[in-house]
């Protein structure tokens, strides 16, 4: 359903990762599924509770924090263009 943000988001995510070998088994199933089965799958994957949504936010925050900490550890004046 093009009007459903959840389904549209998952469809875009899967389209962008079509070449990812780790997802081959998933594509093998979805490529032969009918429209209603795919829509049901997308809806079932969506976070439906506040707890699930908050966990996703916390996980995203932790990933950004880890990325920034890693970059700061590797950063030196010489590597960042300073003198």
N, C-alpha and C. Protein backbone atom coordinates (compact mmCIF):
# COMPACT_ATOMS: atom_id res chain seq x y z
N UNK A 1 0.85 -1.18 0.00
CA UNK A 1 0.00 0.00 0.00
C UNK A 1 0.89 1.24 0.00
N UNK A 2 0.87 2.00 -1.05
CA UNK A 2 1.73 3.18 -1.18
C UNK A 2 1.40 4.28 -0.17
N UNK A 3 0.21 4.23 0.41
CA UNK A 3 -0.19 5.24 1.39
C UNK A 3 0.21 4.88 2.81
N UNK A 4 0.71 3.69 3.02
CA UNK A 4 1.10 3.24 4.36
C UNK A 4 2.60 3.48 4.54
N UNK A 5 2.96 4.37 5.47
CA UNK A 5 4.35 4.74 5.67
C UNK A 5 5.21 3.55 6.09
N UNK A 6 4.67 2.66 6.90
CA UNK A 6 5.42 1.48 7.34
C UNK A 6 5.76 0.59 6.15
N UNK A 7 4.76 0.27 5.35
CA UNK A 7 4.99 -0.60 4.21
C UNK A 7 5.92 0.05 3.19
N UNK A 8 5.74 1.34 2.97
CA UNK A 8 6.59 2.06 2.03
C UNK A 8 8.04 2.08 2.52
N UNK A 9 8.22 2.27 3.83
CA UNK A 9 9.57 2.29 4.41
C UNK A 9 10.28 0.95 4.28
N UNK A 10 9.57 -0.14 4.60
CA UNK A 10 10.18 -1.46 4.48
C UNK A 10 10.45 -1.82 3.02
N UNK A 11 9.55 -1.46 2.13
CA UNK A 11 9.76 -1.73 0.71
C UNK A 11 11.00 -1.01 0.21
N UNK A 12 11.18 0.24 0.59
CA UNK A 12 12.36 1.00 0.18
C UNK A 12 13.62 0.39 0.76
N UNK A 13 13.57 0.02 2.03
CA UNK A 13 14.73 -0.59 2.69
C UNK A 13 15.13 -1.89 1.99
N UNK A 14 14.16 -2.72 1.66
CA UNK A 14 14.46 -3.97 0.98
C UNK A 14 14.96 -3.73 -0.44
N UNK A 15 14.38 -2.77 -1.15
CA UNK A 15 14.85 -2.45 -2.50
C UNK A 15 16.31 -2.00 -2.48
N UNK A 16 16.67 -1.20 -1.49
CA UNK A 16 18.04 -0.68 -1.39
C UNK A 16 19.04 -1.77 -1.03
N UNK A 17 18.59 -2.85 -0.41
CA UNK A 17 19.49 -3.91 0.03
C UNK A 17 19.36 -5.17 -0.79
N UNK A 18 18.86 -5.07 -1.99
CA UNK A 18 18.61 -6.23 -2.86
C UNK A 18 19.90 -7.05 -3.06
N UNK A 19 21.03 -6.43 -3.16
CA UNK A 19 22.28 -7.15 -3.40
C UNK A 19 22.93 -7.75 -2.17
N UNK A 20 22.34 -7.56 -1.01
CA UNK A 20 22.91 -8.06 0.24
C UNK A 20 22.70 -9.57 0.35
N UNK A 21 23.78 -10.33 0.28
CA UNK A 21 23.69 -11.80 0.31
C UNK A 21 23.11 -12.31 1.62
N UNK A 22 23.26 -11.57 2.70
CA UNK A 22 22.74 -11.99 4.00
C UNK A 22 21.21 -12.04 4.01
N UNK A 23 20.59 -11.34 3.07
CA UNK A 23 19.12 -11.29 3.01
C UNK A 23 18.54 -12.19 1.92
N UNK A 24 19.36 -13.02 1.32
CA UNK A 24 18.92 -13.85 0.19
C UNK A 24 17.73 -14.74 0.56
N UNK A 25 17.75 -15.34 1.73
CA UNK A 25 16.65 -16.22 2.14
C UNK A 25 15.34 -15.43 2.25
N UNK A 26 15.43 -14.22 2.75
CA UNK A 26 14.23 -13.38 2.86
C UNK A 26 13.67 -13.05 1.48
N UNK A 27 14.56 -12.67 0.55
CA UNK A 27 14.10 -12.36 -0.81
C UNK A 27 13.52 -13.59 -1.49
N UNK A 28 14.08 -14.77 -1.22
CA UNK A 28 13.55 -16.00 -1.81
C UNK A 28 12.09 -16.21 -1.42
N UNK A 29 11.73 -15.83 -0.21
CA UNK A 29 10.35 -15.96 0.24
C UNK A 29 9.49 -14.83 -0.31
N UNK A 30 9.95 -13.60 -0.15
CA UNK A 30 9.15 -12.45 -0.55
C UNK A 30 8.96 -12.34 -2.06
N UNK A 31 9.94 -12.79 -2.84
CA UNK A 31 9.82 -12.68 -4.29
C UNK A 31 8.66 -13.51 -4.85
N UNK A 32 8.27 -14.56 -4.12
CA UNK A 32 7.19 -15.42 -4.60
C UNK A 32 5.90 -15.26 -3.80
N UNK A 33 5.88 -14.29 -2.89
CA UNK A 33 4.69 -14.05 -2.07
C UNK A 33 3.73 -13.12 -2.81
N UNK A 34 2.44 -13.25 -2.48
CA UNK A 34 1.48 -12.34 -3.09
C UNK A 34 1.45 -11.02 -2.30
N UNK A 35 0.76 -10.05 -2.85
CA UNK A 35 0.74 -8.70 -2.28
C UNK A 35 0.26 -8.69 -0.83
N UNK A 36 -0.80 -9.40 -0.52
CA UNK A 36 -1.33 -9.38 0.84
C UNK A 36 -0.36 -10.01 1.83
N UNK A 37 0.37 -11.03 1.42
CA UNK A 37 1.36 -11.66 2.30
C UNK A 37 2.51 -10.70 2.60
N UNK A 38 2.94 -9.97 1.57
CA UNK A 38 4.03 -9.00 1.76
C UNK A 38 3.55 -7.86 2.66
N UNK A 39 2.34 -7.36 2.43
CA UNK A 39 1.81 -6.30 3.28
C UNK A 39 1.69 -6.77 4.73
N UNK A 40 1.24 -7.97 4.94
CA UNK A 40 1.13 -8.51 6.30
C UNK A 40 2.49 -8.63 6.96
N UNK A 41 3.49 -9.06 6.19
CA UNK A 41 4.85 -9.17 6.74
C UNK A 41 5.36 -7.80 7.16
N UNK A 42 5.21 -6.81 6.30
CA UNK A 42 5.68 -5.47 6.62
C UNK A 42 5.00 -4.93 7.87
N UNK A 43 3.70 -5.13 7.96
CA UNK A 43 2.97 -4.64 9.13
C UNK A 43 3.41 -5.36 10.40
N UNK A 44 3.71 -6.64 10.30
CA UNK A 44 4.12 -7.39 11.50
C UNK A 44 5.51 -6.97 11.97
N UNK A 45 6.33 -6.44 11.07
CA UNK A 45 7.68 -6.01 11.45
C UNK A 45 7.70 -4.64 12.12
N UNK A 46 6.66 -3.88 11.98
CA UNK A 46 6.63 -2.52 12.51
C UNK A 46 6.55 -2.53 14.04
N UNK A 47 7.28 -1.61 14.68
CA UNK A 47 7.12 -1.49 16.13
C UNK A 47 5.72 -0.98 16.44
N UNK A 48 5.00 -1.70 17.27
CA UNK A 48 3.60 -1.34 17.50
C UNK A 48 3.34 -0.83 18.90
N UNK A 49 4.33 -0.91 19.75
CA UNK A 49 4.13 -0.43 21.11
C UNK A 49 5.12 0.68 21.41
N UNK A 50 4.81 1.45 22.39
CA UNK A 50 5.71 2.53 22.78
C UNK A 50 7.05 1.97 23.24
N UNK A 51 7.01 0.84 23.92
CA UNK A 51 8.25 0.22 24.40
C UNK A 51 9.16 -0.14 23.24
N UNK A 52 8.60 -0.73 22.20
CA UNK A 52 9.40 -1.11 21.04
C UNK A 52 9.99 0.13 20.36
N UNK A 53 9.18 1.16 20.24
CA UNK A 53 9.67 2.39 19.62
C UNK A 53 10.78 3.02 20.45
N UNK A 54 10.61 3.03 21.76
CA UNK A 54 11.64 3.59 22.64
C UNK A 54 12.92 2.78 22.58
N UNK A 55 12.79 1.47 22.47
CA UNK A 55 13.98 0.62 22.36
C UNK A 55 14.73 0.92 21.07
N UNK A 56 14.00 1.16 20.00
CA UNK A 56 14.65 1.50 18.74
C UNK A 56 15.36 2.84 18.84
N UNK A 57 14.75 3.80 19.50
CA UNK A 57 15.38 5.11 19.69
C UNK A 57 16.64 4.96 20.53
N UNK A 58 16.56 4.19 21.61
CA UNK A 58 17.72 3.99 22.49
C UNK A 58 18.84 3.30 21.73
N UNK A 59 18.51 2.32 20.92
CA UNK A 59 19.53 1.61 20.14
C UNK A 59 20.19 2.56 19.14
N UNK A 60 19.41 3.38 18.49
CA UNK A 60 19.96 4.35 17.54
C UNK A 60 20.88 5.34 18.26
N UNK A 61 20.45 5.80 19.41
CA UNK A 61 21.26 6.73 20.20
C UNK A 61 22.59 6.08 20.58
N UNK A 62 22.54 4.83 21.04
CA UNK A 62 23.76 4.13 21.43
C UNK A 62 24.71 3.94 20.25
N UNK A 63 24.17 3.66 19.07
CA UNK A 63 25.00 3.49 17.90
C UNK A 63 25.69 4.79 17.51
N UNK A 64 24.96 5.89 17.56
CA UNK A 64 25.55 7.19 17.25
C UNK A 64 26.61 7.55 18.28
N UNK A 65 26.32 7.28 19.54
CA UNK A 65 27.28 7.56 20.61
C UNK A 65 28.56 6.74 20.42
N UNK A 66 28.43 5.46 20.07
CA UNK A 66 29.59 4.61 19.84
C UNK A 66 30.40 5.10 18.64
N UNK A 67 29.69 5.50 17.59
CA UNK A 67 30.37 6.01 16.41
C UNK A 67 31.19 7.26 16.75
N UNK A 68 30.55 8.20 17.47
CA UNK A 68 31.25 9.42 17.84
C UNK A 68 32.43 9.16 18.75
N UNK A 69 32.27 8.26 19.72
CA UNK A 69 33.37 7.92 20.63
C UNK A 69 34.53 7.31 19.86
N UNK A 70 34.23 6.45 18.90
CA UNK A 70 35.26 5.82 18.09
C UNK A 70 36.01 6.86 17.27
N UNK A 71 35.28 7.77 16.68
CA UNK A 71 35.91 8.82 15.87
C UNK A 71 36.80 9.71 16.73
N UNK A 72 36.35 10.03 17.95
CA UNK A 72 37.15 10.86 18.84
C UNK A 72 38.42 10.15 19.28
N UNK A 73 38.33 8.84 19.53
CA UNK A 73 39.52 8.07 19.93
C UNK A 73 40.56 8.06 18.83
N UNK A 74 40.12 7.98 17.59
CA UNK A 74 41.04 7.90 16.46
C UNK A 74 41.51 9.27 15.98
N UNK A 75 40.88 10.30 16.46
CA UNK A 75 41.18 11.65 16.01
C UNK A 75 42.44 12.21 16.66
N UNK A 76 43.28 12.79 15.85
CA UNK A 76 44.45 13.54 16.34
C UNK A 76 44.50 14.85 15.55
N UNK A 77 45.28 15.78 16.03
CA UNK A 77 45.41 17.04 15.30
C UNK A 77 45.94 16.80 13.89
N UNK A 78 46.90 15.89 13.74
CA UNK A 78 47.48 15.63 12.43
C UNK A 78 46.46 15.02 11.48
N UNK A 79 45.61 14.12 11.99
CA UNK A 79 44.66 13.46 11.10
C UNK A 79 43.44 14.31 10.78
N UNK A 80 43.25 15.38 11.54
CA UNK A 80 42.08 16.22 11.28
C UNK A 80 42.45 17.53 10.60
N UNK A 81 43.68 17.62 10.14
CA UNK A 81 44.10 18.82 9.40
C UNK A 81 44.70 19.90 10.28
N UNK A 82 44.81 19.62 11.59
CA UNK A 82 45.40 20.61 12.50
C UNK A 82 46.92 20.51 12.51
N UNK A 83 47.52 21.41 13.25
CA UNK A 83 48.98 21.38 13.35
C UNK A 83 49.41 21.19 14.77
